[in-house]
Amino acid sequence: MNYTTAQLKKIENAVTFLAAQVNKYSKNPKPLVLHSVRVGTKLIDMDSPVEVAIAGFLHDLIEDTKCTAAIIRKKFGSKVAAYAQAMTMDYKYTDYHERWFDAVRRLEKLGKYALLIKLLDSADNIPYYAARMNKKNLAIMLWKAELVQKAAKKDWGKSEAFAQFRKTIQEIKRVEAIEPA
């Protein structure tokens, strides 16, 4: 997809907004700007619609900063806000597994691009967190990754992104000699 100058400016505005929100309000110890830029850039490389690419850059803001879906909606539109909201865990579920089942159901309901954002998000997070986790937490992370993989397979199973995601999961299982929880 060839983005217009106006679309590229929207993407640039999203990156600037991302950096400002993270620098001011981030609650996450991981390098959130770098992570989000990698996810958004991969979506651009995959010729995703501009709203999807922008959502890739902003996908963690609701969960990890003081940014709200309403703020994102006002600045970047309803589609971007819907994707960002879908990427946010709903903590009304106290059971960890049920929270993730709910998240995947919401992503599936929103459609294939929501699942793609989550697939790329998870693929980028796995190596970072795997290097910092004990085996029990790593098993939980792999369970989440496989849940996302199962949901995304229908639409993205033949994509390079999906193949890379599977390869990452398999490599961590091999190195750590661990099965998902």
Protein backbone atom coordinates (compact mmCIF):
# COMPACT_ATOMS: atom_id res chain seq x y z
CA MET A 1 0.00 0.00 0.00
CA ASN A 2 1.40 3.33 -0.92
CA TYR A 3 0.58 5.85 1.74
CA THR A 4 -0.28 9.39 0.74
CA THR A 5 1.62 12.32 2.18
CA ALA A 6 -1.35 13.06 4.43
CA GLN A 7 -1.39 9.45 5.71
CA LEU A 8 2.35 9.53 6.37
CA LYS A 9 1.84 12.73 8.35
CA LYS A 10 -0.84 10.97 10.44
CA ILE A 11 1.58 8.13 11.11
CA GLU A 12 4.28 10.60 12.10
CA ASN A 13 1.82 12.36 14.42
CA ALA A 14 1.01 9.00 16.01
CA VAL A 15 4.68 8.27 16.65
CA THR A 16 5.18 11.73 18.18
CA PHE A 17 2.06 11.23 20.32
CA LEU A 18 3.28 7.79 21.39
CA ALA A 19 6.66 9.12 22.50
CA ALA A 20 5.10 12.00 24.42
CA GLN A 21 2.61 9.75 26.24
CA VAL A 22 5.22 7.13 27.12
CA ASN A 23 7.80 9.66 28.25
CA LYS A 24 5.26 11.39 30.46
CA TYR A 25 3.11 8.56 31.80
CA SER A 26 4.55 5.09 31.13
CA LYS A 27 3.98 2.45 33.80
CA ASN A 28 5.80 -0.26 31.84
CA PRO A 29 9.49 -1.03 32.44
CA LYS A 30 10.08 -2.37 28.92
CA PRO A 31 11.31 0.02 26.20
CA LEU A 32 7.74 0.80 25.16
CA VAL A 33 8.48 3.34 22.43
CA LEU A 34 10.89 1.01 20.66
CA HIS A 35 8.48 -1.92 20.99
CA SER A 36 5.56 0.10 19.63
CA VAL A 37 7.62 1.50 16.76
CA ARG A 38 8.67 -2.02 15.77
CA VAL A 39 5.03 -3.20 15.75
CA GLY A 40 3.81 -0.17 13.78
CA THR A 41 6.68 -0.39 11.30
CA LYS A 42 5.97 -4.07 10.63
CA LEU A 43 2.36 -3.16 9.89
CA ILE A 44 3.55 -0.53 7.42
CA ASP A 45 5.90 -3.08 5.84
CA MET A 46 2.93 -5.44 5.45
CA ASP A 47 0.98 -2.73 3.58
CA SER A 48 -1.68 -2.54 6.27
CA PRO A 49 -4.37 0.14 6.09
CA VAL A 50 -3.18 3.39 7.64
CA GLU A 51 -5.56 3.06 10.63
CA VAL A 52 -4.09 -0.35 11.40
CA ALA A 53 -0.53 0.95 11.18
CA ILE A 54 -1.36 3.86 13.49
CA ALA A 55 -3.04 1.48 15.93
CA GLY A 56 0.13 -0.62 15.88
CA PHE A 57 2.09 2.37 17.10
CA LEU A 58 -0.51 3.22 19.78
CA HIS A 59 -1.58 -0.29 20.83
CA ASP A 60 -0.13 -0.20 24.38
CA LEU A 61 -1.02 3.36 25.34
CA ILE A 62 -4.35 2.66 27.06
CA GLU A 63 -2.89 -0.12 29.19
CA ASP A 64 0.50 1.43 29.95
CA THR A 65 -0.12 5.19 30.18
CA LYS A 66 -2.87 7.60 31.20
CA CYS A 67 -4.11 7.77 27.60
CA THR A 68 -7.72 6.72 27.04
CA ALA A 69 -9.65 5.37 24.08
CA ALA A 70 -11.52 8.70 24.00
CA ILE A 71 -8.27 10.62 23.56
CA ILE A 72 -7.13 8.29 20.79
CA ARG A 73 -10.56 8.51 19.12
CA LYS A 74 -10.43 12.31 19.15
CA LYS A 75 -6.88 12.48 17.75
CA PHE A 76 -6.82 9.48 15.37
CA GLY A 77 -10.40 8.31 14.77
CA SER A 78 -12.79 5.58 15.84
CA LYS A 79 -11.06 2.68 14.06
CA VAL A 80 -7.70 3.39 15.66
CA ALA A 81 -9.34 3.76 19.08
CA ALA A 82 -11.23 0.49 18.63
CA TYR A 83 -8.02 -1.38 17.80
CA ALA A 84 -6.16 0.18 20.74
CA GLN A 85 -9.05 -0.61 23.09
CA ALA A 86 -9.17 -4.22 21.88
CA MET A 87 -5.48 -4.59 22.71
CA THR A 88 -6.15 -3.55 26.31
CA MET A 89 -6.79 -6.19 28.98
CA ASP A 90 -10.12 -6.01 30.77
CA TYR A 91 -9.31 -6.42 34.45
CA LYS A 92 -12.92 -7.07 35.43
CA TYR A 93 -11.89 -10.70 34.96
CA THR A 94 -9.91 -11.73 38.00
CA ASP A 95 -8.98 -15.09 36.51
CA TYR A 96 -5.92 -14.63 34.32
CA HIS A 97 -6.96 -17.23 31.74
CA GLU A 98 -10.48 -15.84 31.44
CA ARG A 99 -9.01 -12.35 30.94
CA TRP A 100 -6.99 -13.65 27.99
CA PHE A 101 -9.90 -15.63 26.54
CA ASP A 102 -11.94 -12.42 26.67
CA ALA A 103 -9.16 -10.43 25.01
CA VAL A 104 -8.88 -12.90 22.14
CA ARG A 105 -12.69 -12.96 21.70
CA ARG A 106 -12.69 -9.16 21.44
CA LEU A 107 -9.83 -9.23 18.92
CA GLU A 108 -11.60 -11.87 16.83
CA LYS A 109 -14.80 -9.82 16.89
CA LEU A 110 -12.94 -6.73 15.68
CA GLY A 111 -11.42 -8.72 12.83
CA LYS A 112 -8.28 -9.87 11.15
CA TYR A 113 -6.31 -6.65 11.55
CA ALA A 114 -6.85 -6.61 15.31
CA LEU A 115 -5.46 -10.13 15.39
CA LEU A 116 -2.52 -9.07 13.24
CA ILE A 117 -1.65 -6.24 15.62
CA LYS A 118 -1.78 -8.67 18.54
CA LEU A 119 0.27 -11.25 16.66
CA LEU A 120 3.01 -8.71 15.94
CA ASP A 121 2.79 -7.34 19.48
CA SER A 122 3.21 -10.80 20.96
CA ALA A 123 6.01 -11.71 18.58
CA ASP A 124 7.93 -8.62 19.60
CA ASN A 125 7.26 -9.14 23.33
CA ILE A 126 8.20 -12.81 23.54
CA PRO A 127 12.00 -12.48 23.32
CA TYR A 128 12.04 -9.49 25.69
CA TYR A 129 10.00 -11.19 28.38
CA ALA A 130 11.45 -14.66 27.85
CA ALA A 131 14.88 -13.34 28.81
CA ARG A 132 13.48 -12.00 32.08
CA MET A 133 11.11 -14.75 33.27
CA ASN A 134 11.27 -17.83 35.39
CA LYS A 135 9.98 -21.08 33.89
CA LYS A 136 6.50 -20.78 35.42
CA ASN A 137 5.93 -17.27 34.04
CA LEU A 138 7.47 -18.28 30.73
CA ALA A 139 4.99 -21.15 30.47
CA ILE A 140 2.13 -18.69 31.03
CA MET A 141 3.55 -16.37 28.37
CA LEU A 142 3.78 -19.25 25.90
CA TRP A 143 0.17 -20.22 26.66
CA LYS A 144 -0.91 -16.64 25.82
CA ALA A 145 1.17 -16.69 22.65
CA GLU A 146 -0.37 -19.95 21.50
CA LEU A 147 -3.85 -18.60 22.20
CA VAL A 148 -3.09 -15.64 19.94
CA GLN A 149 -1.53 -17.95 17.35
CA LYS A 150 -4.62 -20.15 17.25
CA ALA A 151 -6.92 -17.15 16.78
CA ALA A 152 -4.76 -15.55 14.07
CA LYS A 153 -4.07 -18.70 12.08
CA LYS A 154 -7.21 -18.51 9.91
CA ASP A 155 -6.41 -15.06 8.51
CA TRP A 156 -2.62 -14.89 8.87
CA GLY A 157 -1.45 -18.52 8.90
CA LYS A 158 0.24 -18.22 5.51
CA SER A 159 1.94 -14.90 6.23
CA GLU A 160 5.61 -14.37 6.97
CA ALA A 161 4.63 -12.68 10.24
CA PHE A 162 2.80 -15.81 11.37
CA ALA A 163 5.71 -18.07 10.36
CA GLN A 164 8.14 -15.88 12.31
CA PHE A 165 5.83 -15.91 15.32
CA ARG A 166 5.66 -19.72 15.31
CA LYS A 167 9.42 -19.95 14.89
CA THR A 168 9.97 -17.67 17.90
CA ILE A 169 7.64 -19.75 20.08
CA GLN A 170 9.28 -23.01 19.01
CA GLU A 171 12.79 -21.65 19.63
CA ILE A 172 11.91 -20.53 23.15
CA LYS A 173 10.33 -23.88 23.92
CA ARG A 174 13.43 -25.64 22.61
CA VAL A 175 15.92 -23.48 24.48
CA GLU A 176 13.96 -23.44 27.71
CA ALA A 177 12.66 -27.03 27.42
CA ILE A 178 9.25 -25.84 28.52
CA GLU A 179 5.63 -26.46 27.57
CA PRO A 180 2.88 -23.84 27.88
CA ALA A 181 0.79 -23.76 31.07
